[in-house]
Structures are given as structure tokens and as C-alpha cells.
Amino acid sequence: MTIYNTLIQLYCMNYVTTNIRLPEVDYLRLKSEAARNRLSLSAVIRKKITTSYQPRRSQTEVKKMLVELAKLARENAKQLKGYKSVQVIREMRDQAKW
């Protein structure tokens, strides 16, 4: 199973920290916009994401989502037991396979 990093913003003033990969040209464009508007890069990205999609979730919904996410993480851990993802990513990076 392939796992994608996603930026999830929960609307009970809870934030999730994540890493994302952007093409360099997009990164530079976003950094430039942030500098022009005197905002952080994170604030610009959050603004762009929230202007197009703004679900309001109750604390109960958030807790259910987190429980489901933890369940999926445990299932993935079982399926990927012994899989050294960091090592694989480093090898891919070093061999420039992406």
C-alpha cells in the first residue's frame, strides 16, 4: 500500500505538522508571494488550501478521524513489518531514481 503525505488542517484549532514535496518553481512562487505579503510560507499555503475547502468539524468528528487514522497506521505497520522505508528513500535519492 502506498502512503501519501497530506496536509490535514483540523478546524478545532488543532494543526498537524507534515512535510510535503513541491516542485522548485512552485516553492519559489509561494515564497515570493509570502515575502510580498509579509506572511510565512505556511500561512500562504494554509490560505490557499482553506479558501477552496473549508469543512467545519466537531471535536467528536476529529476524535473519530484520529482513531481511524491510528487504526490505519497499525494496519500499515503490520503489512510493512521489516520494511525499511527510510533506507529505501535514501537509496532512491542517492541513485536519483525519482
N, C-alpha and C. Protein backbone atom coordinates (compact mmCIF):
# COMPACT_ATOMS: atom_id res chain seq x y z
N MET A 1 0.84 -1.18 0.00
CA MET A 1 0.00 0.00 0.00
C MET A 1 0.89 1.24 0.00
N THR A 2 0.58 2.18 -0.86
CA THR A 2 1.36 3.41 -0.93
C THR A 2 0.77 4.43 0.03
N ILE A 3 1.63 5.11 0.73
CA ILE A 3 1.19 6.10 1.70
C ILE A 3 1.62 7.47 1.20
N TYR A 4 0.67 8.39 1.11
CA TYR A 4 0.97 9.74 0.67
C TYR A 4 0.92 10.68 1.85
N ASN A 5 1.90 11.59 1.90
CA ASN A 5 1.83 12.64 2.93
C ASN A 5 0.81 13.65 2.50
N THR A 6 -0.07 14.00 3.39
CA THR A 6 -1.07 15.02 3.09
C THR A 6 -1.07 16.06 4.17
N LEU A 7 -1.45 17.22 3.75
CA LEU A 7 -1.59 18.30 4.71
C LEU A 7 -3.03 18.31 5.18
N ILE A 8 -3.22 18.04 6.47
CA ILE A 8 -4.57 17.99 7.03
C ILE A 8 -4.68 19.10 8.07
N GLN A 9 -5.62 19.98 7.85
CA GLN A 9 -5.84 21.04 8.82
C GLN A 9 -7.16 20.76 9.51
N LEU A 10 -7.14 20.54 10.79
CA LEU A 10 -8.35 20.25 11.55
C LEU A 10 -8.86 21.56 12.15
N TYR A 11 -10.15 21.80 11.99
CA TYR A 11 -10.71 23.09 12.32
C TYR A 11 -11.20 23.22 13.75
N CYS A 12 -10.50 22.66 14.67
CA CYS A 12 -10.77 22.89 16.10
C CYS A 12 -9.52 23.52 16.70
N MET A 13 -8.85 24.31 15.89
CA MET A 13 -7.61 24.98 16.25
C MET A 13 -6.47 23.98 16.50
N ASN A 14 -6.61 22.79 15.98
CA ASN A 14 -5.55 21.80 16.04
C ASN A 14 -4.85 21.77 14.69
N TYR A 15 -3.55 21.77 14.68
CA TYR A 15 -2.80 21.70 13.43
C TYR A 15 -1.95 20.45 13.44
N VAL A 16 -1.77 19.89 12.27
CA VAL A 16 -0.91 18.73 12.08
C VAL A 16 0.30 19.20 11.30
N THR A 17 1.48 18.85 11.76
CA THR A 17 2.70 19.21 11.06
C THR A 17 3.07 18.09 10.12
N THR A 18 3.43 18.44 8.89
CA THR A 18 3.79 17.43 7.90
C THR A 18 4.83 17.99 6.95
N ASN A 19 5.44 17.12 6.21
CA ASN A 19 6.38 17.53 5.17
C ASN A 19 5.73 17.27 3.82
N ILE A 20 5.94 18.18 2.89
CA ILE A 20 5.43 17.98 1.54
C ILE A 20 6.53 18.26 0.55
N ARG A 21 6.42 17.67 -0.62
CA ARG A 21 7.37 17.93 -1.69
C ARG A 21 6.68 18.80 -2.73
N LEU A 22 7.35 19.88 -3.11
CA LEU A 22 6.84 20.78 -4.13
C LEU A 22 7.87 20.93 -5.23
N PRO A 23 7.41 21.13 -6.46
CA PRO A 23 8.37 21.48 -7.50
C PRO A 23 9.04 22.80 -7.12
N GLU A 24 10.30 22.94 -7.47
CA GLU A 24 11.05 24.12 -7.06
C GLU A 24 10.39 25.41 -7.54
N VAL A 25 9.86 25.41 -8.75
CA VAL A 25 9.23 26.62 -9.28
C VAL A 25 8.01 27.02 -8.44
N ASP A 26 7.22 26.05 -7.97
CA ASP A 26 6.07 26.35 -7.11
C ASP A 26 6.53 26.87 -5.75
N TYR A 27 7.57 26.25 -5.21
CA TYR A 27 8.11 26.68 -3.93
C TYR A 27 8.58 28.14 -4.01
N LEU A 28 9.31 28.46 -5.05
CA LEU A 28 9.82 29.83 -5.21
C LEU A 28 8.67 30.83 -5.40
N ARG A 29 7.65 30.43 -6.14
CA ARG A 29 6.50 31.30 -6.35
C ARG A 29 5.78 31.57 -5.02
N LEU A 30 5.59 30.51 -4.22
CA LEU A 30 4.93 30.66 -2.93
C LEU A 30 5.78 31.49 -1.95
N LYS A 31 7.10 31.27 -1.96
CA LYS A 31 8.00 32.04 -1.09
C LYS A 31 7.94 33.52 -1.46
N SER A 32 7.92 33.79 -2.76
CA SER A 32 7.85 35.17 -3.23
C SER A 32 6.54 35.83 -2.78
N GLU A 33 5.44 35.11 -2.93
CA GLU A 33 4.14 35.63 -2.50
C GLU A 33 4.14 35.89 -1.00
N ALA A 34 4.72 34.99 -0.24
CA ALA A 34 4.79 35.16 1.21
C ALA A 34 5.59 36.41 1.57
N ALA A 35 6.71 36.61 0.91
CA ALA A 35 7.54 37.79 1.19
C ALA A 35 6.80 39.08 0.82
N ARG A 36 6.14 39.08 -0.33
CA ARG A 36 5.39 40.28 -0.76
C ARG A 36 4.29 40.64 0.22
N ASN A 37 3.63 39.64 0.78
CA ASN A 37 2.52 39.87 1.70
C ASN A 37 2.91 39.85 3.16
N ARG A 38 4.21 39.71 3.41
CA ARG A 38 4.74 39.65 4.77
C ARG A 38 4.06 38.56 5.59
N LEU A 39 3.97 37.38 4.99
CA LEU A 39 3.40 36.20 5.63
C LEU A 39 4.42 35.08 5.62
N SER A 40 4.20 34.09 6.45
CA SER A 40 5.06 32.91 6.39
C SER A 40 4.62 32.04 5.22
N LEU A 41 5.52 31.18 4.77
CA LEU A 41 5.18 30.25 3.71
C LEU A 41 4.01 29.37 4.14
N SER A 42 4.02 28.93 5.39
CA SER A 42 2.93 28.10 5.92
C SER A 42 1.59 28.83 5.84
N ALA A 43 1.59 30.11 6.19
CA ALA A 43 0.35 30.88 6.16
C ALA A 43 -0.19 30.99 4.74
N VAL A 44 0.69 31.18 3.77
CA VAL A 44 0.25 31.27 2.37
C VAL A 44 -0.36 29.95 1.92
N ILE A 45 0.30 28.84 2.24
CA ILE A 45 -0.21 27.52 1.84
C ILE A 45 -1.54 27.24 2.52
N ARG A 46 -1.64 27.52 3.84
CA ARG A 46 -2.91 27.32 4.54
C ARG A 46 -4.03 28.15 3.93
N LYS A 47 -3.72 29.40 3.58
CA LYS A 47 -4.73 30.27 2.99
C LYS A 47 -5.21 29.71 1.65
N LYS A 48 -4.29 29.22 0.83
CA LYS A 48 -4.67 28.67 -0.47
C LYS A 48 -5.50 27.41 -0.32
N ILE A 49 -5.20 26.61 0.67
CA ILE A 49 -5.94 25.37 0.88
C ILE A 49 -7.33 25.68 1.46
N THR A 50 -7.39 26.54 2.45
CA THR A 50 -8.66 26.79 3.14
C THR A 50 -9.63 27.62 2.32
N THR A 51 -9.16 28.40 1.36
CA THR A 51 -10.10 29.19 0.56
C THR A 51 -10.90 28.32 -0.39
N SER A 52 -10.37 27.15 -0.74
CA SER A 52 -11.10 26.29 -1.67
C SER A 52 -11.85 25.17 -0.95
N TYR A 53 -11.51 24.91 0.30
CA TYR A 53 -12.13 23.78 1.00
C TYR A 53 -12.14 24.08 2.49
N GLN A 54 -13.30 24.31 3.07
CA GLN A 54 -13.37 24.69 4.48
C GLN A 54 -14.39 23.86 5.26
N PRO A 55 -14.10 22.60 5.49
CA PRO A 55 -15.04 21.83 6.31
C PRO A 55 -14.92 22.25 7.77
N ARG A 56 -16.03 22.27 8.45
CA ARG A 56 -16.03 22.54 9.89
C ARG A 56 -16.31 21.22 10.58
N ARG A 57 -15.42 20.82 11.44
CA ARG A 57 -15.56 19.53 12.10
C ARG A 57 -15.72 19.72 13.60
N SER A 58 -16.59 18.93 14.18
CA SER A 58 -16.78 18.96 15.63
C SER A 58 -15.63 18.22 16.29
N GLN A 59 -15.48 18.43 17.58
CA GLN A 59 -14.42 17.75 18.34
C GLN A 59 -14.63 16.23 18.25
N THR A 60 -15.88 15.79 18.27
CA THR A 60 -16.20 14.36 18.16
C THR A 60 -15.75 13.80 16.81
N GLU A 61 -16.03 14.54 15.73
CA GLU A 61 -15.61 14.10 14.40
C GLU A 61 -14.09 14.00 14.31
N VAL A 62 -13.42 14.98 14.88
CA VAL A 62 -11.95 14.98 14.86
C VAL A 62 -11.41 13.75 15.60
N LYS A 63 -11.98 13.46 16.77
CA LYS A 63 -11.54 12.30 17.54
C LYS A 63 -11.76 11.01 16.76
N LYS A 64 -12.92 10.89 16.09
CA LYS A 64 -13.20 9.71 15.28
C LYS A 64 -12.18 9.57 14.14
N MET A 65 -11.87 10.69 13.51
CA MET A 65 -10.89 10.67 12.41
C MET A 65 -9.52 10.21 12.91
N LEU A 66 -9.12 10.71 14.07
CA LEU A 66 -7.82 10.35 14.62
C LEU A 66 -7.78 8.88 15.02
N VAL A 67 -8.88 8.36 15.56
CA VAL A 67 -8.96 6.93 15.90
C VAL A 67 -8.82 6.09 14.64
N GLU A 68 -9.54 6.47 13.57
CA GLU A 68 -9.46 5.74 12.30
C GLU A 68 -8.05 5.83 11.71
N LEU A 69 -7.43 7.00 11.79
CA LEU A 69 -6.06 7.17 11.29
C LEU A 69 -5.09 6.28 12.06
N ALA A 70 -5.25 6.20 13.38
CA ALA A 70 -4.39 5.33 14.19
C ALA A 70 -4.60 3.87 13.82
N LYS A 71 -5.84 3.48 13.56
CA LYS A 71 -6.14 2.10 13.14
C LYS A 71 -5.46 1.78 11.82
N LEU A 72 -5.55 2.70 10.85
CA LEU A 72 -4.90 2.50 9.55
C LEU A 72 -3.38 2.43 9.70
N ALA A 73 -2.83 3.24 10.59
CA ALA A 73 -1.39 3.23 10.82
C ALA A 73 -0.95 1.87 11.38
N ARG A 74 -1.74 1.31 12.31
CA ARG A 74 -1.41 -0.02 12.86
C ARG A 74 -1.47 -1.09 11.77
N GLU A 75 -2.50 -1.03 10.91
CA GLU A 75 -2.63 -2.00 9.82
C GLU A 75 -1.45 -1.89 8.85
N ASN A 76 -1.07 -0.65 8.52
CA ASN A 76 0.07 -0.45 7.64
C ASN A 76 1.35 -0.96 8.26
N ALA A 77 1.50 -0.74 9.56
CA ALA A 77 2.70 -1.21 10.26
C ALA A 77 2.81 -2.73 10.19
N LYS A 78 1.67 -3.43 10.30
CA LYS A 78 1.69 -4.89 10.19
C LYS A 78 2.11 -5.32 8.80
N GLN A 79 1.54 -4.66 7.78
CA GLN A 79 1.84 -5.04 6.39
C GLN A 79 3.27 -4.69 6.00
N LEU A 80 3.81 -3.66 6.61
CA LEU A 80 5.14 -3.20 6.23
C LEU A 80 6.21 -3.61 7.25
N LYS A 81 5.89 -4.59 8.07
CA LYS A 81 6.84 -5.03 9.09
C LYS A 81 8.16 -5.43 8.43
N GLY A 82 9.24 -4.88 8.93
CA GLY A 82 10.56 -5.18 8.39
C GLY A 82 10.94 -4.30 7.20
N TYR A 83 10.00 -3.53 6.67
CA TYR A 83 10.27 -2.65 5.53
C TYR A 83 10.98 -1.41 6.04
N LYS A 84 12.13 -1.14 5.51
CA LYS A 84 12.94 -0.01 5.96
C LYS A 84 12.75 1.16 4.99
N SER A 85 11.66 1.89 5.18
CA SER A 85 11.29 2.95 4.24
C SER A 85 12.34 4.05 4.16
N VAL A 86 12.92 4.44 5.27
CA VAL A 86 13.93 5.50 5.25
C VAL A 86 15.13 5.06 4.42
N GLN A 87 15.55 3.82 4.60
CA GLN A 87 16.67 3.30 3.83
C GLN A 87 16.35 3.28 2.34
N VAL A 88 15.14 2.85 1.98
CA VAL A 88 14.73 2.80 0.58
C VAL A 88 14.71 4.20 -0.02
N ILE A 89 14.16 5.16 0.71
CA ILE A 89 14.10 6.54 0.21
C ILE A 89 15.50 7.11 0.01
N ARG A 90 16.39 6.83 0.96
CA ARG A 90 17.77 7.31 0.82
C ARG A 90 18.45 6.69 -0.40
N GLU A 91 18.22 5.41 -0.61
CA GLU A 91 18.81 4.74 -1.78
C GLU A 91 18.25 5.33 -3.07
N MET A 92 16.95 5.59 -3.10
CA MET A 92 16.34 6.20 -4.29
C MET A 92 16.94 7.58 -4.54
N ARG A 93 17.07 8.34 -3.47
CA ARG A 93 17.63 9.68 -3.59
C ARG A 93 19.08 9.63 -4.10
N ASP A 94 19.86 8.74 -3.50
CA ASP A 94 21.27 8.62 -3.87
C ASP A 94 21.45 8.13 -5.30
N GLN A 95 20.51 7.31 -5.78
CA GLN A 95 20.59 6.78 -7.14
C GLN A 95 19.78 7.63 -8.12
N ALA A 96 19.19 8.70 -7.62
CA ALA A 96 18.39 9.62 -8.45
C ALA A 96 17.35 8.88 -9.28
N LYS A 97 16.56 8.04 -8.61
CA LYS A 97 15.52 7.28 -9.31
C LYS A 97 14.18 8.00 -9.30
N TRP A 98 14.14 9.22 -8.85
CA TRP A 98 12.87 9.95 -8.90
C TRP A 98 13.09 11.30 -9.34
